[in-house]
Amino acid sequence: MIRLKKAHMGWGSACFDEQLKKEIEQVDASQLPLQAGLSQSSYVSDEPFRVMVIGTTETESHIQVRAGIFYSGIIAGCSCADDPTPVEAQTEYCEVMFDINKKSGEATVALAED
């Protein structure tokens, strides 16, 4: 479970989106569904990712956030000495939905459905 304590405490303030963006960018990439969101490559690279808050809504108990994540993926070859596959990072993008509990700041995340 991801904890977004600073963002949850800043809900309703003018700086919420920026605070949320920074906090998500500190989350370990393995906790996000980036691998499932790949479209141009086969593995998520270790490069840092960037977050763009697209929209927020509120329910009685949760803050729901749609966010776009820009990250890099690689096409992995066989790792042979004569493998012609270049290991170049490919730009990837996916949209996710965060569901943040208003009381605890605990959040779940899943790929957004269109």
N, C-alpha and C. Protein backbone atom coordinates (compact mmCIF):
# COMPACT_ATOMS: atom_id res chain seq x y z
N MET A 1 0.85 -1.18 0.00
CA MET A 1 0.00 0.00 0.00
C MET A 1 0.89 1.24 0.00
N ILE A 2 0.51 2.20 -0.77
CA ILE A 2 1.24 3.47 -0.88
C ILE A 2 0.64 4.45 0.13
N ARG A 3 1.50 5.18 0.82
CA ARG A 3 1.02 6.23 1.73
C ARG A 3 1.39 7.58 1.15
N LEU A 4 0.39 8.41 0.94
CA LEU A 4 0.59 9.76 0.40
C LEU A 4 0.15 10.76 1.47
N LYS A 5 0.88 10.75 2.57
CA LYS A 5 0.51 11.52 3.76
C LYS A 5 0.51 13.03 3.51
N LYS A 6 1.55 13.55 2.88
CA LYS A 6 1.62 15.00 2.65
C LYS A 6 0.50 15.47 1.73
N ALA A 7 0.26 14.71 0.67
CA ALA A 7 -0.80 15.09 -0.26
C ALA A 7 -2.17 15.01 0.41
N HIS A 8 -2.38 13.97 1.17
CA HIS A 8 -3.68 13.80 1.82
C HIS A 8 -3.93 14.93 2.82
N MET A 9 -2.87 15.38 3.50
CA MET A 9 -3.02 16.48 4.46
C MET A 9 -3.20 17.82 3.74
N GLY A 10 -2.73 17.91 2.50
CA GLY A 10 -2.84 19.15 1.75
C GLY A 10 -4.08 19.24 0.88
N TRP A 11 -4.98 18.24 0.98
CA TRP A 11 -6.18 18.25 0.15
C TRP A 11 -6.98 19.54 0.37
N GLY A 12 -7.39 20.15 -0.71
CA GLY A 12 -8.17 21.38 -0.64
C GLY A 12 -7.33 22.64 -0.72
N SER A 13 -6.02 22.52 -0.59
CA SER A 13 -5.15 23.70 -0.68
C SER A 13 -4.79 23.97 -2.13
N ALA A 14 -4.32 25.16 -2.39
CA ALA A 14 -3.95 25.56 -3.75
C ALA A 14 -2.75 24.78 -4.27
N CYS A 15 -1.94 24.26 -3.37
CA CYS A 15 -0.73 23.55 -3.80
C CYS A 15 -0.89 22.03 -3.79
N PHE A 16 -2.13 21.54 -3.69
CA PHE A 16 -2.35 20.10 -3.62
C PHE A 16 -1.76 19.35 -4.81
N ASP A 17 -2.05 19.80 -6.03
CA ASP A 17 -1.56 19.08 -7.22
C ASP A 17 -0.04 18.97 -7.23
N GLU A 18 0.64 20.06 -6.93
CA GLU A 18 2.11 20.06 -6.93
C GLU A 18 2.65 19.17 -5.81
N GLN A 19 2.03 19.24 -4.66
CA GLN A 19 2.44 18.41 -3.52
C GLN A 19 2.25 16.93 -3.84
N LEU A 20 1.12 16.61 -4.44
CA LEU A 20 0.83 15.22 -4.82
C LEU A 20 1.82 14.73 -5.87
N LYS A 21 2.08 15.55 -6.87
CA LYS A 21 3.04 15.21 -7.93
C LYS A 21 4.40 14.85 -7.33
N LYS A 22 4.90 15.71 -6.45
CA LYS A 22 6.21 15.47 -5.83
C LYS A 22 6.21 14.20 -4.99
N GLU A 23 5.13 13.98 -4.26
CA GLU A 23 5.08 12.80 -3.40
C GLU A 23 5.00 11.50 -4.22
N ILE A 24 4.21 11.50 -5.28
CA ILE A 24 4.13 10.31 -6.14
C ILE A 24 5.48 10.04 -6.79
N GLU A 25 6.19 11.09 -7.18
CA GLU A 25 7.49 10.90 -7.83
C GLU A 25 8.54 10.30 -6.89
N GLN A 26 8.25 10.29 -5.58
CA GLN A 26 9.15 9.67 -4.60
C GLN A 26 8.80 8.20 -4.34
N VAL A 27 7.66 7.76 -4.85
CA VAL A 27 7.23 6.36 -4.67
C VAL A 27 8.12 5.46 -5.51
N ASP A 28 8.45 4.30 -4.99
CA ASP A 28 9.23 3.33 -5.76
C ASP A 28 8.41 2.89 -6.97
N ALA A 29 9.02 2.91 -8.14
CA ALA A 29 8.33 2.58 -9.39
C ALA A 29 7.70 1.19 -9.35
N SER A 30 8.26 0.29 -8.56
CA SER A 30 7.71 -1.07 -8.49
C SER A 30 6.33 -1.10 -7.84
N GLN A 31 5.94 -0.02 -7.14
CA GLN A 31 4.63 0.05 -6.51
C GLN A 31 3.56 0.60 -7.46
N LEU A 32 3.97 1.00 -8.65
CA LEU A 32 3.04 1.55 -9.64
C LEU A 32 2.86 0.54 -10.77
N PRO A 33 1.72 0.59 -11.46
CA PRO A 33 1.46 -0.39 -12.54
C PRO A 33 2.13 0.00 -13.87
N LEU A 34 3.40 0.41 -13.80
CA LEU A 34 4.09 0.87 -15.01
C LEU A 34 4.35 -0.26 -15.99
N GLN A 35 4.72 -1.43 -15.50
CA GLN A 35 4.98 -2.56 -16.40
C GLN A 35 3.73 -2.88 -17.22
N ALA A 36 2.58 -2.85 -16.59
CA ALA A 36 1.33 -3.15 -17.28
C ALA A 36 0.95 -2.06 -18.28
N GLY A 37 1.49 -0.85 -18.10
CA GLY A 37 1.18 0.25 -18.99
C GLY A 37 2.10 0.41 -20.18
N LEU A 38 3.10 -0.46 -20.31
CA LEU A 38 4.04 -0.36 -21.42
C LEU A 38 3.34 -0.53 -22.76
N SER A 39 3.74 0.27 -23.76
CA SER A 39 3.19 0.11 -25.10
C SER A 39 4.27 0.09 -26.18
N GLN A 40 5.46 0.62 -25.89
CA GLN A 40 6.53 0.70 -26.88
C GLN A 40 7.72 -0.19 -26.56
N SER A 41 7.76 -0.76 -25.37
CA SER A 41 8.93 -1.52 -24.94
C SER A 41 8.49 -2.72 -24.12
N SER A 42 9.45 -3.44 -23.56
CA SER A 42 9.09 -4.67 -22.84
C SER A 42 9.38 -4.64 -21.34
N TYR A 43 10.23 -3.73 -20.88
CA TYR A 43 10.55 -3.64 -19.46
C TYR A 43 10.68 -2.18 -19.04
N VAL A 44 10.24 -1.88 -17.83
CA VAL A 44 10.39 -0.53 -17.28
C VAL A 44 11.85 -0.31 -16.95
N SER A 45 12.39 0.82 -17.37
CA SER A 45 13.80 1.12 -17.06
C SER A 45 13.92 1.69 -15.65
N ASP A 46 15.14 1.84 -15.19
CA ASP A 46 15.39 2.38 -13.85
C ASP A 46 15.42 3.90 -13.81
N GLU A 47 15.16 4.54 -14.93
CA GLU A 47 15.20 6.00 -14.97
C GLU A 47 14.03 6.58 -14.17
N PRO A 48 14.19 7.78 -13.63
CA PRO A 48 13.10 8.41 -12.87
C PRO A 48 11.88 8.66 -13.77
N PHE A 49 10.72 8.70 -13.15
CA PHE A 49 9.49 8.99 -13.89
C PHE A 49 8.96 10.35 -13.46
N ARG A 50 8.08 10.91 -14.30
CA ARG A 50 7.46 12.20 -14.00
C ARG A 50 5.95 12.03 -13.96
N VAL A 51 5.30 12.83 -13.15
CA VAL A 51 3.86 12.73 -12.94
C VAL A 51 3.18 14.03 -13.35
N MET A 52 2.01 13.88 -13.97
CA MET A 52 1.18 15.03 -14.31
C MET A 52 -0.22 14.74 -13.75
N VAL A 53 -0.71 15.59 -12.87
CA VAL A 53 -2.05 15.42 -12.31
C VAL A 53 -3.04 15.90 -13.36
N ILE A 54 -3.95 15.02 -13.76
CA ILE A 54 -4.93 15.34 -14.79
C ILE A 54 -6.23 15.85 -14.17
N GLY A 55 -6.65 15.23 -13.09
CA GLY A 55 -7.88 15.65 -12.45
C GLY A 55 -8.08 14.99 -11.10
N THR A 56 -8.88 15.64 -10.27
CA THR A 56 -9.18 15.11 -8.95
C THR A 56 -10.68 15.20 -8.69
N THR A 57 -11.19 14.23 -7.97
CA THR A 57 -12.57 14.25 -7.51
C THR A 57 -12.56 13.78 -6.06
N GLU A 58 -13.69 13.98 -5.41
CA GLU A 58 -13.77 13.66 -3.99
C GLU A 58 -15.04 12.87 -3.71
N THR A 59 -14.91 11.84 -2.90
CA THR A 59 -16.07 11.14 -2.38
C THR A 59 -16.09 11.40 -0.87
N GLU A 60 -17.03 10.82 -0.20
CA GLU A 60 -17.12 11.03 1.24
C GLU A 60 -15.86 10.57 1.97
N SER A 61 -15.26 9.48 1.50
CA SER A 61 -14.12 8.91 2.22
C SER A 61 -12.79 8.93 1.46
N HIS A 62 -12.81 9.27 0.17
CA HIS A 62 -11.59 9.18 -0.63
C HIS A 62 -11.38 10.39 -1.55
N ILE A 63 -10.13 10.60 -1.88
CA ILE A 63 -9.73 11.56 -2.92
C ILE A 63 -9.33 10.70 -4.11
N GLN A 64 -9.95 10.94 -5.24
CA GLN A 64 -9.63 10.16 -6.44
C GLN A 64 -8.86 11.05 -7.40
N VAL A 65 -7.72 10.54 -7.84
CA VAL A 65 -6.82 11.32 -8.69
C VAL A 65 -6.52 10.55 -9.96
N ARG A 66 -6.71 11.21 -11.09
CA ARG A 66 -6.26 10.66 -12.37
C ARG A 66 -4.94 11.35 -12.68
N ALA A 67 -3.92 10.55 -12.94
CA ALA A 67 -2.59 11.11 -13.20
C ALA A 67 -1.96 10.43 -14.42
N GLY A 68 -1.19 11.21 -15.16
CA GLY A 68 -0.41 10.67 -16.26
C GLY A 68 1.01 10.48 -15.78
N ILE A 69 1.62 9.38 -16.16
CA ILE A 69 3.00 9.10 -15.76
C ILE A 69 3.85 8.93 -17.00
N PHE A 70 4.89 9.75 -17.09
CA PHE A 70 5.86 9.67 -18.17
C PHE A 70 7.06 8.91 -17.63
N TYR A 71 7.45 7.85 -18.31
CA TYR A 71 8.57 7.03 -17.84
C TYR A 71 9.27 6.40 -19.03
N SER A 72 10.29 5.64 -18.78
CA SER A 72 11.06 5.01 -19.85
C SER A 72 10.99 3.50 -19.73
N GLY A 73 11.01 2.87 -20.90
CA GLY A 73 11.07 1.42 -20.96
C GLY A 73 12.19 1.02 -21.90
N ILE A 74 12.58 -0.22 -21.82
CA ILE A 74 13.61 -0.73 -22.73
C ILE A 74 13.11 -1.99 -23.40
N ILE A 75 13.67 -2.27 -24.57
CA ILE A 75 13.42 -3.53 -25.25
C ILE A 75 14.62 -4.39 -24.95
N ALA A 76 14.40 -5.41 -24.16
CA ALA A 76 15.52 -6.24 -23.72
C ALA A 76 15.86 -7.29 -24.77
N GLY A 77 17.14 -7.41 -25.06
CA GLY A 77 17.63 -8.44 -25.98
C GLY A 77 18.05 -9.67 -25.20
N CYS A 78 18.84 -10.49 -25.83
CA CYS A 78 19.26 -11.74 -25.19
C CYS A 78 20.54 -11.59 -24.38
N SER A 79 21.11 -10.41 -24.37
CA SER A 79 22.36 -10.13 -23.64
C SER A 79 23.55 -10.90 -24.18
N CYS A 80 23.48 -11.31 -25.41
CA CYS A 80 24.61 -11.99 -26.05
C CYS A 80 25.58 -10.93 -26.56
N ALA A 81 26.83 -11.29 -26.69
CA ALA A 81 27.85 -10.35 -27.15
C ALA A 81 27.54 -9.83 -28.55
N ASP A 82 26.91 -10.66 -29.37
CA ASP A 82 26.63 -10.24 -30.74
C ASP A 82 25.16 -9.82 -30.93
N ASP A 83 24.46 -9.57 -29.84
CA ASP A 83 23.06 -9.16 -29.93
C ASP A 83 22.98 -7.76 -30.54
N PRO A 84 22.29 -7.62 -31.68
CA PRO A 84 22.22 -6.32 -32.35
C PRO A 84 21.18 -5.37 -31.74
N THR A 85 20.41 -5.85 -30.78
CA THR A 85 19.37 -5.01 -30.20
C THR A 85 19.98 -3.92 -29.34
N PRO A 86 19.80 -2.66 -29.72
CA PRO A 86 20.34 -1.58 -28.88
C PRO A 86 19.49 -1.44 -27.61
N VAL A 87 20.14 -1.12 -26.52
CA VAL A 87 19.41 -0.91 -25.27
C VAL A 87 19.20 0.59 -25.11
N GLU A 88 18.22 1.09 -25.85
CA GLU A 88 17.87 2.51 -25.79
C GLU A 88 16.56 2.65 -25.05
N ALA A 89 16.49 3.64 -24.21
CA ALA A 89 15.25 3.89 -23.49
C ALA A 89 14.19 4.43 -24.45
N GLN A 90 12.98 3.92 -24.32
CA GLN A 90 11.84 4.38 -25.10
C GLN A 90 10.92 5.15 -24.16
N THR A 91 10.41 6.27 -24.62
CA THR A 91 9.48 7.04 -23.80
C THR A 91 8.15 6.31 -23.72
N GLU A 92 7.63 6.19 -22.52
CA GLU A 92 6.35 5.53 -22.27
C GLU A 92 5.44 6.50 -21.51
N TYR A 93 4.14 6.26 -21.62
CA TYR A 93 3.15 7.07 -20.92
C TYR A 93 1.97 6.18 -20.58
N CYS A 94 1.47 6.33 -19.38
CA CYS A 94 0.22 5.66 -19.02
C CYS A 94 -0.54 6.55 -18.04
N GLU A 95 -1.83 6.31 -17.94
CA GLU A 95 -2.65 7.04 -16.99
C GLU A 95 -3.11 6.08 -15.91
N VAL A 96 -3.05 6.56 -14.69
CA VAL A 96 -3.42 5.75 -13.53
C VAL A 96 -4.44 6.48 -12.67
N MET A 97 -5.13 5.72 -11.85
CA MET A 97 -6.08 6.27 -10.90
C MET A 97 -5.60 5.95 -9.49
N PHE A 98 -5.44 6.99 -8.69
CA PHE A 98 -5.11 6.83 -7.28
C PHE A 98 -6.40 7.02 -6.48
N ASP A 99 -6.61 6.19 -5.50
CA ASP A 99 -7.74 6.29 -4.59
C ASP A 99 -7.14 6.48 -3.20
N ILE A 100 -7.16 7.71 -2.71
CA ILE A 100 -6.48 8.06 -1.46
C ILE A 100 -7.49 8.17 -0.32
N ASN A 101 -7.28 7.39 0.73
CA ASN A 101 -8.15 7.43 1.89
C ASN A 101 -7.95 8.76 2.61
N LYS A 102 -9.04 9.48 2.84
CA LYS A 102 -8.95 10.81 3.47
C LYS A 102 -8.45 10.76 4.91
N LYS A 103 -8.73 9.69 5.62
CA LYS A 103 -8.33 9.61 7.02
C LYS A 103 -6.87 9.19 7.20
N SER A 104 -6.42 8.23 6.40
CA SER A 104 -5.10 7.65 6.62
C SER A 104 -4.03 8.07 5.62
N GLY A 105 -4.45 8.52 4.45
CA GLY A 105 -3.48 8.83 3.40
C GLY A 105 -3.03 7.60 2.62
N GLU A 106 -3.55 6.42 2.98
CA GLU A 106 -3.21 5.21 2.24
C GLU A 106 -3.88 5.26 0.88
N ALA A 107 -3.14 4.81 -0.14
CA ALA A 107 -3.65 4.91 -1.50
C ALA A 107 -3.49 3.60 -2.25
N THR A 108 -4.46 3.33 -3.09
CA THR A 108 -4.34 2.24 -4.05
C THR A 108 -4.19 2.89 -5.41
N VAL A 109 -3.57 2.16 -6.33
CA VAL A 109 -3.36 2.70 -7.67
C VAL A 109 -3.59 1.60 -8.69
N ALA A 110 -4.20 1.97 -9.81
CA ALA A 110 -4.45 1.03 -10.90
C ALA A 110 -4.39 1.79 -12.21
N LEU A 111 -4.14 1.06 -13.29
CA LEU A 111 -4.20 1.70 -14.60
C LEU A 111 -5.60 2.26 -14.80
N ALA A 112 -5.69 3.45 -15.37
CA ALA A 112 -6.98 4.08 -15.62
C ALA A 112 -7.68 3.38 -16.78
N GLU A 113 -8.96 3.24 -16.65
CA GLU A 113 -9.77 2.70 -17.73
C GLU A 113 -10.35 3.87 -18.49
N ASP A 114 -10.28 3.81 -19.80
CA ASP A 114 -10.80 4.93 -20.61
C ASP A 114 -12.29 4.95 -20.69
